[in-house]
Amino acid sequence: MIVAKFGGTSLATAERFCHAANLIRQDPNRRYVVVSAPGKRDDSDIKITDQLLRYSETGDDADIGCVEARFREIAEELEIGLDISKEFDEIRHASHRREYLASRGEYFSAKLMAAYLDFQFVDAADWVKFRMDGSVDQESSYACLRRQAVGRGLVTPGFYGLMPDGQIHTFSRGGSDITGSLAAAALNAKVYENWTDVSGFLMADPRIVQDPQPIRHLTYHEMYALSCAGATVLHEDSVGPVSRAGIATNIRNTNRPDHPGTMITSTAVKREN
């Protein structure tokens, strides 16, 4: 069984949304899916999460209107019959709740993907449980997800969860990687696939070396060392849950789905001559 997480660049438009959904359908083992908020459509665009954060600061209805329009556009192009009007009305009345607003990109992304795939939608607030100090209560979180992961496939938003006082709390930026890792550990996945816009960790800095080749295999220890040196393919806090559970992480490129990417494991793999 595979837990597959799709980043914002993989979900920026209806076309990319459809491509990600097709990748999920291609392998029946991809039954559990974690999604980020839609990213930039081009270099001049604004990420959904950035627009929501700006709305939390200014209360400018133009920002929330743009966010709603993007989700409506994706839904209409994919012919997803999901009415989001009421929920966006609720968002407009919560302009002061920064973390709640920041989480809504992932929330609606997961709602649309679940409807498009005919999978079950499970809100991250219903299973990712934080303690008051901001740490994740893994035992409680894992138990909550296992209770809900029955029957057909499941889609859940990344990036956020629930505090003991009932308030939404977010991870740091890029935190959907952490949600995917937690889901993989909770469900005892064989592999945690992290689909992004690169084919894994590279052998050299692409700003210095032209077209460097991806590294086919790393240990979690080696990956951590690369992250400390500035390689930012995965959120560093996503390593713990899967490495402790002995689950491999596969960094994959949605634009090059046939490429094996980088496989990260707890122990080294003997290379064949």
Protein backbone atom coordinates (compact mmCIF):
# COMPACT_ATOMS: atom_id res chain seq x y z
CA MET A 1 0.00 0.00 0.00
CA ILE A 2 1.24 3.48 -0.94
CA VAL A 3 0.59 6.89 0.56
CA ALA A 4 1.03 9.47 -2.21
CA LYS A 5 1.50 13.17 -1.49
CA PHE A 6 1.16 15.74 -4.29
CA GLY A 7 2.74 19.17 -3.98
CA GLY A 8 1.37 22.52 -5.09
CA THR A 9 3.03 22.57 -8.51
CA SER A 10 1.35 19.24 -9.26
CA LEU A 11 -2.08 20.76 -8.58
CA ALA A 12 -1.77 24.32 -9.90
CA THR A 13 -4.30 23.96 -12.73
CA ALA A 14 -7.15 21.68 -13.74
CA GLU A 15 -4.84 20.01 -16.28
CA ARG A 16 -2.23 19.23 -13.61
CA PHE A 17 -4.97 18.16 -11.22
CA CYS A 18 -6.19 15.69 -13.85
CA HIS A 19 -2.64 14.43 -14.46
CA ALA A 20 -2.13 13.80 -10.72
CA ALA A 21 -5.45 11.97 -10.53
CA ASN A 22 -4.46 9.78 -13.47
CA LEU A 23 -1.21 8.85 -11.70
CA ILE A 24 -3.23 7.83 -8.65
CA ARG A 25 -5.57 5.71 -10.76
CA GLN A 26 -2.68 3.98 -12.55
CA ASP A 27 -1.66 2.09 -9.42
CA PRO A 28 -4.39 0.52 -7.25
CA ASN A 29 -1.94 0.58 -4.34
CA ARG A 30 -2.20 4.39 -4.26
CA ARG A 31 -5.26 4.35 -2.05
CA TYR A 32 -4.31 7.12 0.38
CA VAL A 33 -3.56 10.59 -0.93
CA VAL A 34 -2.34 13.81 0.72
CA VAL A 35 -2.54 17.08 -1.20
CA SER A 36 -1.08 20.56 -0.93
CA ALA A 37 -2.79 23.80 -1.95
CA PRO A 38 -2.48 24.69 -5.66
CA GLY A 39 0.82 26.42 -6.40
CA LYS A 40 1.81 28.97 -9.00
CA ARG A 41 0.53 28.58 -12.55
CA ASP A 42 3.44 30.65 -13.86
CA ASP A 43 6.22 32.87 -12.52
CA SER A 44 3.90 35.89 -12.21
CA ASP A 45 1.25 34.02 -10.25
CA ILE A 46 0.58 34.01 -6.49
CA LYS A 47 0.35 30.80 -4.49
CA ILE A 48 -3.06 30.10 -3.00
CA THR A 49 -1.63 29.99 0.53
CA ASP A 50 0.12 33.34 0.08
CA GLN A 51 -3.12 34.89 -1.13
CA LEU A 52 -5.00 33.50 1.86
CA LEU A 53 -2.36 34.83 4.26
CA ARG A 54 -2.58 38.23 2.62
CA TYR A 55 -6.34 38.15 3.09
CA SER A 56 -5.81 37.40 6.80
CA GLU A 57 -3.74 40.59 7.05
CA THR A 58 -5.76 42.99 4.88
CA GLY A 59 -9.30 41.57 4.79
CA ASP A 60 -9.36 42.62 1.13
CA ASP A 61 -12.22 40.70 -0.49
CA ALA A 62 -10.35 40.72 -3.80
CA ASP A 63 -7.86 38.21 -2.40
CA ILE A 64 -10.44 35.71 -1.20
CA GLY A 65 -12.37 36.26 -4.42
CA CYS A 66 -9.32 35.23 -6.45
CA VAL A 67 -8.88 32.09 -4.35
CA GLU A 68 -12.52 31.13 -4.78
CA ALA A 69 -12.32 31.79 -8.53
CA ARG A 70 -9.32 29.47 -8.89
CA PHE A 71 -11.04 26.59 -7.15
CA ARG A 72 -14.22 27.20 -9.14
CA GLU A 73 -12.20 27.16 -12.35
CA ILE A 74 -10.59 23.81 -11.46
CA ALA A 75 -13.96 22.34 -10.46
CA GLU A 76 -15.70 23.52 -13.62
CA GLU A 77 -12.96 22.35 -15.99
CA LEU A 78 -12.92 18.92 -14.35
CA GLU A 79 -16.72 18.86 -14.19
CA ILE A 80 -16.73 18.36 -10.42
CA GLY A 81 -20.22 19.09 -9.11
CA LEU A 82 -19.16 20.51 -5.74
CA ASP A 83 -20.73 23.70 -4.36
CA ILE A 84 -18.13 25.64 -2.37
CA SER A 85 -20.09 28.90 -2.02
CA LYS A 86 -21.27 28.36 1.56
CA GLU A 87 -17.81 27.46 2.82
CA PHE A 88 -16.27 30.52 1.22
CA ASP A 89 -18.96 32.64 2.89
CA GLU A 90 -17.76 31.18 6.20
CA ILE A 91 -14.16 32.02 5.31
CA ARG A 92 -15.10 35.65 4.72
CA HIS A 93 -16.34 35.80 8.30
CA ALA A 94 -13.04 34.44 9.64
CA SER A 95 -10.62 36.99 8.21
CA HIS A 96 -8.88 37.34 11.61
CA ARG A 97 -8.06 33.62 11.99
CA ARG A 98 -4.66 33.40 10.29
CA GLU A 99 -3.89 29.69 10.63
CA TYR A 100 -7.43 28.64 9.76
CA LEU A 101 -7.27 30.75 6.60
CA ALA A 102 -3.80 29.47 5.71
CA SER A 103 -5.13 25.90 5.82
CA ARG A 104 -8.04 26.43 3.43
CA GLY A 105 -5.99 25.94 0.26
CA GLU A 106 -5.18 22.36 1.25
CA TYR A 107 -8.73 21.84 2.50
CA PHE A 108 -10.40 22.73 -0.81
CA SER A 109 -7.71 20.99 -2.83
CA ALA A 110 -8.48 17.75 -0.98
CA LYS A 111 -12.24 18.23 -1.31
CA LEU A 112 -11.93 18.59 -5.08
CA MET A 113 -9.49 15.69 -5.48
CA ALA A 114 -11.68 13.38 -3.39
CA ALA A 115 -14.74 14.27 -5.46
CA TYR A 116 -12.84 13.84 -8.73
CA LEU A 117 -11.48 10.42 -7.75
CA ASP A 118 -14.66 9.35 -5.92
CA PHE A 119 -12.52 8.80 -2.83
CA GLN A 120 -13.47 9.53 0.76
CA PHE A 121 -12.55 13.02 2.03
CA VAL A 122 -11.08 13.06 5.54
CA ASP A 123 -10.33 16.48 6.98
CA ALA A 124 -6.84 16.73 8.49
CA ALA A 125 -8.48 18.34 11.53
CA ASP A 126 -10.21 15.01 12.15
CA TRP A 127 -6.99 13.06 12.60
CA VAL A 128 -3.84 15.23 12.95
CA LYS A 129 -3.88 16.04 16.67
CA PHE A 130 -1.52 18.62 18.15
CA ARG A 131 -0.60 19.06 21.79
CA MET A 132 -0.74 22.54 23.31
CA ASP A 133 3.02 22.94 22.79
CA GLY A 134 2.55 22.48 19.03
CA SER A 135 3.99 18.96 18.83
CA VAL A 136 1.99 16.17 17.16
CA ASP A 137 0.35 13.56 19.37
CA GLN A 138 1.29 10.70 17.06
CA GLU A 139 -0.43 7.92 18.99
CA SER A 140 -3.77 9.72 18.98
CA SER A 141 -3.35 10.91 15.37
CA TYR A 142 -2.49 7.47 14.05
CA ALA A 143 -5.44 5.87 15.82
CA CYS A 144 -7.84 8.50 14.41
CA LEU A 145 -6.67 7.97 10.83
CA ARG A 146 -6.76 4.17 11.08
CA ARG A 147 -10.39 4.31 12.21
CA GLN A 148 -11.33 6.31 9.11
CA ALA A 149 -9.16 4.56 6.51
CA VAL A 150 -11.64 1.86 5.58
CA GLY A 151 -13.27 0.90 2.31
CA ARG A 152 -12.57 3.06 -0.73
CA GLY A 153 -9.58 5.35 -1.19
CA LEU A 154 -9.03 8.40 0.94
CA VAL A 155 -7.85 11.98 0.31
CA THR A 156 -6.76 14.25 3.15
CA PRO A 157 -5.35 17.79 3.19
CA GLY A 158 -1.75 18.38 4.21
CA PHE A 159 -0.22 21.17 6.30
CA TYR A 160 -2.58 21.41 9.29
CA GLY A 161 -4.36 19.70 12.15
CA LEU A 162 -6.28 20.48 15.33
CA MET A 163 -5.20 21.85 18.71
CA PRO A 164 -6.76 20.55 21.96
CA ASP A 165 -8.79 23.78 22.18
CA GLY A 166 -10.42 23.08 18.81
CA GLN A 167 -8.41 25.64 16.83
CA ILE A 168 -6.71 24.89 13.51
CA HIS A 169 -2.92 24.78 13.74
CA THR A 170 -0.53 24.63 10.77
CA PHE A 171 2.92 23.20 10.30
CA SER A 172 5.64 25.46 8.92
CA ARG A 173 5.57 26.07 5.16
CA GLY A 174 6.01 22.88 3.19
CA GLY A 175 4.33 21.02 6.03
CA SER A 176 2.19 18.86 3.75
CA ASP A 177 5.31 16.67 3.53
CA ILE A 178 4.93 16.07 7.27
CA THR A 179 1.25 15.14 6.91
CA GLY A 180 2.14 12.63 4.21
CA SER A 181 4.83 11.11 6.41
CA LEU A 182 2.44 10.85 9.36
CA ALA A 183 -0.21 9.21 7.18
CA ALA A 184 2.31 6.68 5.83
CA ALA A 185 3.42 5.77 9.34
CA ALA A 186 -0.14 5.58 10.66
CA LEU A 187 -1.24 3.25 7.87
CA ASN A 188 1.96 1.19 7.79
CA ALA A 189 2.51 1.98 4.11
CA LYS A 190 5.12 0.14 2.11
CA VAL A 191 6.21 3.39 0.43
CA TYR A 192 5.58 7.10 0.96
CA GLU A 193 5.57 8.71 -2.49
CA ASN A 194 6.25 12.43 -2.53
CA TRP A 195 5.29 13.81 -5.95
CA THR A 196 6.84 17.17 -6.78
CA ASP A 197 8.43 19.05 -9.70
CA VAL A 198 11.92 17.50 -9.49
CA SER A 199 13.13 13.93 -9.97
CA GLY A 200 14.56 13.61 -6.49
CA PHE A 201 17.78 14.83 -4.91
CA LEU A 202 20.39 15.92 -7.45
CA MET A 203 24.10 15.07 -7.55
CA ALA A 204 25.03 18.76 -7.82
CA ASP A 205 23.56 22.24 -7.43
CA PRO A 206 21.69 23.00 -10.70
CA ARG A 207 22.60 26.66 -10.26
CA ILE A 208 26.25 25.65 -10.70
CA VAL A 209 26.18 22.43 -12.74
CA GLN A 210 24.01 22.15 -15.84
CA ASP A 211 21.47 19.31 -15.83
CA PRO A 212 22.82 17.32 -12.85
CA GLN A 213 21.61 13.74 -12.52
CA PRO A 214 19.29 12.65 -9.69
CA ILE A 215 20.62 10.44 -6.90
CA ARG A 216 18.86 7.08 -7.19
CA HIS A 217 19.18 6.03 -3.55
CA LEU A 218 19.87 7.70 -0.20
CA THR A 219 19.58 6.76 3.44
CA TYR A 220 17.60 9.06 5.72
CA HIS A 221 20.86 9.98 7.43
CA GLU A 222 22.40 11.02 4.10
CA MET A 223 19.26 12.94 3.17
CA TYR A 224 19.40 14.85 6.44
CA ALA A 225 23.02 15.79 5.75
CA LEU A 226 22.07 17.06 2.29
CA SER A 227 19.19 19.06 3.79
CA CYS A 228 21.58 20.71 6.25
CA ALA A 229 23.76 21.63 3.26
CA GLY A 230 20.83 23.40 1.60
CA ALA A 231 19.06 20.70 -0.46
CA THR A 232 15.38 21.40 0.18
CA VAL A 233 13.43 18.70 -1.63
CA LEU A 234 11.64 17.46 1.51
CA HIS A 235 10.58 19.20 4.71
CA GLU A 236 13.15 18.07 7.29
CA ASP A 237 10.45 17.30 9.88
CA SER A 238 8.88 14.74 7.53
CA VAL A 239 11.76 12.31 8.05
CA GLY A 240 11.01 11.19 11.61
CA PRO A 241 7.67 9.36 11.28
CA VAL A 242 8.64 7.27 8.24
CA SER A 243 12.25 6.59 9.20
CA ARG A 244 11.22 5.34 12.66
CA ALA A 245 8.61 3.09 11.04
CA GLY A 246 11.11 1.75 8.48
CA ILE A 247 9.04 3.09 5.55
CA ALA A 248 10.81 4.14 2.35
CA THR A 249 10.22 7.59 0.84
CA ASN A 250 10.25 7.91 -2.95
CA ILE A 251 10.68 11.42 -4.39
CA ARG A 252 8.92 11.44 -7.78
CA ASN A 253 8.43 14.03 -10.53
CA THR A 254 4.84 14.47 -11.73
CA ASN A 255 6.19 15.88 -15.01
CA ARG A 256 8.37 12.77 -15.54
CA PRO A 257 6.30 9.99 -13.95
CA ASP A 258 8.33 7.21 -15.60
CA HIS A 259 11.50 8.38 -13.85
CA PRO A 260 12.18 6.35 -10.67
CA GLY A 261 13.30 9.44 -8.74
CA THR A 262 15.18 9.13 -5.45
CA MET A 263 14.39 6.31 -3.01
CA ILE A 264 15.20 7.09 0.62
CA THR A 265 15.47 4.23 3.10
CA SER A 266 16.59 3.65 6.66
CA THR A 267 19.53 1.48 5.61
CA ALA A 268 21.88 1.48 2.64
CA VAL A 269 21.04 -0.61 -0.40
CA LYS A 270 23.75 -2.81 -1.92
CA ARG A 271 24.37 -1.68 -5.48
CA GLU A 272 24.67 -4.27 -8.23
CA ASN A 273 27.66 -4.11 -10.59
